[in-house]
Amino acid sequence: MRLNDPEYRSKLIEVLHDPELEKELADLLKSNEYRKHLKSVISETFESPEYQAKIQEILQKAAKEGKK
């Protein structure tokens, strides 16, 4: 894995700290297109059977602990 390479990590951090890149990334994250995409991903996640089962499991565990 390249992230274990100190030189690669150093260059990656250098690139990510570039003010121009930071501005572009901030603009991208604020865009309507990205927000629509994020909303879609979150909706799909909430609707997935795996997610619903995990939430149900967490709620049941919390209910049991609340009764103690």
N, C-alpha and C. Protein backbone atom coordinates (compact mmCIF):
# COMPACT_ATOMS: atom_id res chain seq x y z
N MET A 1 0.85 -1.18 0.00
CA MET A 1 0.00 0.00 0.00
C MET A 1 0.89 1.24 0.00
N ARG A 2 0.55 2.16 -0.85
CA ARG A 2 1.38 3.35 -1.02
C ARG A 2 1.33 4.28 0.19
N LEU A 3 0.24 4.26 0.95
CA LEU A 3 0.14 5.16 2.09
C LEU A 3 1.15 4.84 3.18
N ASN A 4 1.73 3.65 3.13
CA ASN A 4 2.77 3.30 4.08
C ASN A 4 4.13 3.88 3.68
N ASP A 5 4.23 4.35 2.47
CA ASP A 5 5.47 4.93 1.96
C ASP A 5 5.58 6.38 2.46
N PRO A 6 6.57 6.68 3.32
CA PRO A 6 6.70 8.03 3.89
C PRO A 6 6.84 9.13 2.84
N GLU A 7 7.56 8.85 1.78
CA GLU A 7 7.74 9.86 0.73
C GLU A 7 6.41 10.15 0.03
N TYR A 8 5.66 9.11 -0.27
CA TYR A 8 4.36 9.27 -0.91
C TYR A 8 3.42 10.06 0.00
N ARG A 9 3.39 9.70 1.28
CA ARG A 9 2.53 10.40 2.25
C ARG A 9 2.89 11.87 2.33
N SER A 10 4.17 12.15 2.35
CA SER A 10 4.64 13.53 2.44
C SER A 10 4.16 14.34 1.24
N LYS A 11 4.32 13.78 0.04
CA LYS A 11 3.88 14.46 -1.18
C LYS A 11 2.36 14.64 -1.20
N LEU A 12 1.64 13.62 -0.76
CA LEU A 12 0.19 13.70 -0.73
C LEU A 12 -0.27 14.81 0.21
N ILE A 13 0.32 14.89 1.37
CA ILE A 13 -0.01 15.94 2.34
C ILE A 13 0.32 17.31 1.77
N GLU A 14 1.44 17.40 1.09
CA GLU A 14 1.85 18.65 0.46
C GLU A 14 0.80 19.10 -0.57
N VAL A 15 0.35 18.17 -1.38
CA VAL A 15 -0.64 18.48 -2.41
C VAL A 15 -1.97 18.88 -1.76
N LEU A 16 -2.39 18.14 -0.74
CA LEU A 16 -3.67 18.42 -0.09
C LEU A 16 -3.67 19.75 0.65
N HIS A 17 -2.50 20.24 1.01
CA HIS A 17 -2.42 21.53 1.71
C HIS A 17 -2.25 22.70 0.75
N ASP A 18 -2.26 22.45 -0.52
CA ASP A 18 -2.15 23.51 -1.52
C ASP A 18 -3.41 24.37 -1.43
N PRO A 19 -3.27 25.68 -1.17
CA PRO A 19 -4.43 26.56 -1.02
C PRO A 19 -5.37 26.53 -2.23
N GLU A 20 -4.84 26.43 -3.43
CA GLU A 20 -5.67 26.40 -4.63
C GLU A 20 -6.52 25.13 -4.65
N LEU A 21 -5.90 24.00 -4.31
CA LEU A 21 -6.63 22.73 -4.27
C LEU A 21 -7.69 22.77 -3.16
N GLU A 22 -7.34 23.32 -2.02
CA GLU A 22 -8.30 23.43 -0.91
C GLU A 22 -9.53 24.22 -1.35
N LYS A 23 -9.33 25.32 -2.06
CA LYS A 23 -10.44 26.14 -2.53
C LYS A 23 -11.30 25.36 -3.53
N GLU A 24 -10.65 24.68 -4.46
CA GLU A 24 -11.40 23.89 -5.45
C GLU A 24 -12.22 22.79 -4.78
N LEU A 25 -11.61 22.13 -3.80
CA LEU A 25 -12.31 21.07 -3.09
C LEU A 25 -13.48 21.64 -2.30
N ALA A 26 -13.28 22.78 -1.64
CA ALA A 26 -14.37 23.42 -0.90
C ALA A 26 -15.51 23.80 -1.84
N ASP A 27 -15.16 24.35 -2.99
CA ASP A 27 -16.19 24.71 -3.98
C ASP A 27 -16.96 23.48 -4.45
N LEU A 28 -16.24 22.40 -4.69
CA LEU A 28 -16.87 21.16 -5.13
C LEU A 28 -17.84 20.64 -4.07
N LEU A 29 -17.42 20.64 -2.81
CA LEU A 29 -18.25 20.12 -1.73
C LEU A 29 -19.49 20.98 -1.49
N LYS A 30 -19.44 22.23 -1.91
CA LYS A 30 -20.58 23.14 -1.75
C LYS A 30 -21.51 23.12 -2.97
N SER A 31 -21.12 22.45 -4.02
CA SER A 31 -21.90 22.48 -5.26
C SER A 31 -23.22 21.72 -5.12
N ASN A 32 -24.21 22.15 -5.89
CA ASN A 32 -25.51 21.48 -5.89
C ASN A 32 -25.40 20.05 -6.39
N GLU A 33 -24.55 19.84 -7.38
CA GLU A 33 -24.37 18.49 -7.94
C GLU A 33 -23.86 17.53 -6.87
N TYR A 34 -22.88 17.97 -6.09
CA TYR A 34 -22.33 17.11 -5.04
C TYR A 34 -23.37 16.87 -3.95
N ARG A 35 -24.10 17.93 -3.61
CA ARG A 35 -25.14 17.78 -2.58
C ARG A 35 -26.21 16.77 -3.02
N LYS A 36 -26.60 16.82 -4.28
CA LYS A 36 -27.57 15.85 -4.81
C LYS A 36 -27.02 14.44 -4.71
N HIS A 37 -25.74 14.28 -5.09
CA HIS A 37 -25.10 12.98 -5.03
C HIS A 37 -25.07 12.46 -3.59
N LEU A 38 -24.68 13.33 -2.67
CA LEU A 38 -24.59 12.94 -1.27
C LEU A 38 -25.96 12.56 -0.72
N LYS A 39 -26.97 13.33 -1.08
CA LYS A 39 -28.33 13.03 -0.63
C LYS A 39 -28.77 11.66 -1.15
N SER A 40 -28.43 11.37 -2.40
CA SER A 40 -28.77 10.08 -3.00
C SER A 40 -28.07 8.93 -2.27
N VAL A 41 -26.81 9.11 -1.98
CA VAL A 41 -26.04 8.06 -1.29
C VAL A 41 -26.60 7.82 0.11
N ILE A 42 -26.91 8.90 0.81
CA ILE A 42 -27.46 8.77 2.16
C ILE A 42 -28.82 8.08 2.12
N SER A 43 -29.65 8.46 1.18
CA SER A 43 -30.97 7.82 1.05
C SER A 43 -30.84 6.33 0.77
N GLU A 44 -29.95 5.99 -0.15
CA GLU A 44 -29.73 4.57 -0.47
C GLU A 44 -29.24 3.82 0.76
N THR A 45 -28.38 4.44 1.53
CA THR A 45 -27.85 3.80 2.74
C THR A 45 -28.97 3.54 3.73
N PHE A 46 -29.79 4.57 4.00
CA PHE A 46 -30.89 4.41 4.95
C PHE A 46 -31.88 3.35 4.52
N GLU A 47 -32.05 3.17 3.23
CA GLU A 47 -33.03 2.22 2.72
C GLU A 47 -32.47 0.79 2.60
N SER A 48 -31.18 0.63 2.76
CA SER A 48 -30.60 -0.70 2.58
C SER A 48 -30.96 -1.63 3.74
N PRO A 49 -31.25 -2.88 3.44
CA PRO A 49 -31.60 -3.85 4.48
C PRO A 49 -30.48 -4.03 5.52
N GLU A 50 -29.24 -3.97 5.07
CA GLU A 50 -28.11 -4.14 5.99
C GLU A 50 -28.09 -3.01 7.02
N TYR A 51 -28.28 -1.78 6.55
CA TYR A 51 -28.27 -0.63 7.44
C TYR A 51 -29.45 -0.70 8.42
N GLN A 52 -30.61 -1.01 7.89
CA GLN A 52 -31.80 -1.09 8.74
C GLN A 52 -31.65 -2.16 9.80
N ALA A 53 -31.06 -3.30 9.44
CA ALA A 53 -30.84 -4.37 10.40
C ALA A 53 -29.86 -3.93 11.49
N LYS A 54 -28.82 -3.22 11.09
CA LYS A 54 -27.82 -2.75 12.06
C LYS A 54 -28.44 -1.75 13.02
N ILE A 55 -29.24 -0.83 12.51
CA ILE A 55 -29.90 0.16 13.36
C ILE A 55 -30.87 -0.54 14.32
N GLN A 56 -31.60 -1.50 13.81
CA GLN A 56 -32.54 -2.24 14.67
C GLN A 56 -31.77 -2.96 15.78
N GLU A 57 -30.65 -3.54 15.44
CA GLU A 57 -29.83 -4.23 16.43
C GLU A 57 -29.34 -3.25 17.51
N ILE A 58 -28.90 -2.09 17.09
CA ILE A 58 -28.41 -1.06 18.03
C ILE A 58 -29.55 -0.60 18.94
N LEU A 59 -30.73 -0.38 18.37
CA LEU A 59 -31.87 0.08 19.17
C LEU A 59 -32.32 -0.99 20.17
N GLN A 60 -32.31 -2.24 19.74
CA GLN A 60 -32.69 -3.33 20.66
C GLN A 60 -31.69 -3.44 21.80
N LYS A 61 -30.42 -3.29 21.48
CA LYS A 61 -29.37 -3.36 22.51
C LYS A 61 -29.54 -2.20 23.49
N ALA A 62 -29.81 -1.03 22.97
CA ALA A 62 -30.01 0.14 23.84
C ALA A 62 -31.24 -0.03 24.73
N ALA A 63 -32.30 -0.61 24.17
CA ALA A 63 -33.52 -0.84 24.96
C ALA A 63 -33.25 -1.82 26.09
N LYS A 64 -32.51 -2.88 25.79
CA LYS A 64 -32.17 -3.87 26.83
C LYS A 64 -31.33 -3.22 27.93
N GLU A 65 -30.36 -2.40 27.53
CA GLU A 65 -29.49 -1.75 28.51
C GLU A 65 -30.27 -0.71 29.33
N GLY A 66 -31.27 -0.12 28.71
CA GLY A 66 -32.10 0.86 29.41
C GLY A 66 -32.99 0.24 30.46
N LYS A 67 -33.32 -1.03 30.28
CA LYS A 67 -34.17 -1.73 31.25
C LYS A 67 -33.39 -2.16 32.48
N LYS A 68 -32.08 -2.22 32.38
CA LYS A 68 -31.27 -2.71 33.52
C LYS A 68 -31.18 -1.70 34.62
